[in-house]
Amino acid sequence: MIDMAKEMIVKAPSVDEAKAQIAAAFGVDESRVKFEVLQESQKKAFGLFGGADAEVRGVLSDDAPAQAAKAFLEDVLAGMGA
């Protein structure tokens, strides 16, 4: 069995983009990940100086793999007419 990472830190131009990247990397919906904003994105001064990407930590909920498996099995059973 492959051990999935349960925590990830991502830098992106915005907090929303970082959250989306984390959820996509885990292969789950954003609602199944607990997020902590480590740093908000900052705009560059005069469009030239400074600025920083947002940095977000995402922790996969312990029940996320079980919920994903449950949803998958329900779809399979529904397809079989059970």
Protein backbone atom coordinates (compact mmCIF):
# COMPACT_ATOMS: atom_id res chain seq x y z
CA MET A 1 0.00 0.00 0.00
CA ILE A 2 1.31 3.45 -0.90
CA ASP A 3 1.51 5.89 2.01
CA MET A 4 0.00 9.22 0.95
CA ALA A 5 1.37 12.48 2.26
CA LYS A 6 -1.00 13.82 4.88
CA GLU A 7 0.39 17.35 4.93
CA MET A 8 1.56 19.71 2.22
CA ILE A 9 2.74 23.31 2.01
CA VAL A 10 2.23 25.21 -1.24
CA LYS A 11 3.16 28.70 -2.44
CA ALA A 12 0.92 30.29 -5.08
CA PRO A 13 -0.09 33.78 -6.23
CA SER A 14 -3.24 33.63 -4.07
CA VAL A 15 -4.58 31.69 -1.10
CA ASP A 16 -7.40 30.26 -3.23
CA GLU A 17 -4.96 28.98 -5.85
CA ALA A 18 -2.80 27.37 -3.16
CA LYS A 19 -5.86 25.64 -1.65
CA ALA A 20 -6.92 24.36 -5.07
CA GLN A 21 -3.42 23.01 -5.76
CA ILE A 22 -3.32 21.19 -2.42
CA ALA A 23 -6.75 19.62 -2.90
CA ALA A 24 -5.81 18.54 -6.44
CA ALA A 25 -2.55 17.01 -5.22
CA PHE A 26 -4.44 14.99 -2.61
CA GLY A 27 -7.10 14.09 -5.18
CA VAL A 28 -9.96 15.23 -2.94
CA ASP A 29 -12.43 18.10 -2.65
CA GLU A 30 -11.26 21.19 -0.73
CA SER A 31 -13.83 20.43 1.98
CA ARG A 32 -11.81 17.35 2.98
CA VAL A 33 -8.65 19.33 3.67
CA LYS A 34 -7.91 21.53 6.68
CA PHE A 35 -6.07 24.66 5.61
CA GLU A 36 -3.81 27.03 7.51
CA VAL A 37 -2.69 30.25 5.83
CA LEU A 38 0.96 30.71 6.71
CA GLN A 39 1.39 33.90 4.67
CA GLU A 40 -1.05 36.02 2.68
CA SER A 41 0.02 37.09 -0.79
CA GLN A 42 1.45 40.59 -1.02
CA LYS A 43 1.37 42.83 -4.06
CA LYS A 44 4.54 44.38 -5.38
CA ALA A 45 5.10 48.03 -4.53
CA PHE A 46 4.72 50.10 -7.68
CA GLY A 47 4.57 46.80 -9.57
CA LEU A 48 8.32 46.42 -9.17
CA PHE A 49 9.52 45.79 -5.62
CA GLY A 50 8.77 43.19 -3.01
CA GLY A 51 5.65 41.14 -3.16
CA ALA A 52 5.25 37.56 -2.06
CA ASP A 53 3.17 34.52 -2.91
CA ALA A 54 0.65 33.14 -0.48
CA GLU A 55 1.84 30.14 1.52
CA VAL A 56 -0.76 27.62 2.70
CA ARG A 57 -0.48 24.38 4.67
CA GLY A 58 -3.06 21.69 3.92
CA VAL A 59 -3.66 18.68 6.12
CA LEU A 60 -5.69 15.80 4.73
CA SER A 61 -8.52 14.80 7.05
CA ASP A 62 -8.12 11.29 8.45
CA ASP A 63 -11.53 10.30 7.13
CA ALA A 64 -10.88 11.53 3.58
CA PRO A 65 -9.60 8.20 2.17
CA ALA A 66 -12.46 6.32 3.81
CA GLN A 67 -15.00 8.80 2.45
CA ALA A 68 -13.50 8.57 -1.04
CA ALA A 69 -13.62 4.76 -0.91
CA LYS A 70 -17.22 4.86 0.33
CA ALA A 71 -18.27 7.18 -2.51
CA PHE A 72 -16.51 4.98 -5.06
CA LEU A 73 -18.15 1.80 -3.78
CA GLU A 74 -21.57 3.45 -3.72
CA ASP A 75 -21.10 4.46 -7.38
CA VAL A 76 -20.03 0.93 -8.33
CA LEU A 77 -22.96 -0.66 -6.50
CA ALA A 78 -25.41 1.84 -8.01
CA GLY A 79 -24.02 0.98 -11.46
CA MET A 80 -24.58 -2.71 -10.75
CA GLY A 81 -28.18 -2.03 -9.73
CA ALA A 82 -27.62 -3.04 -6.12
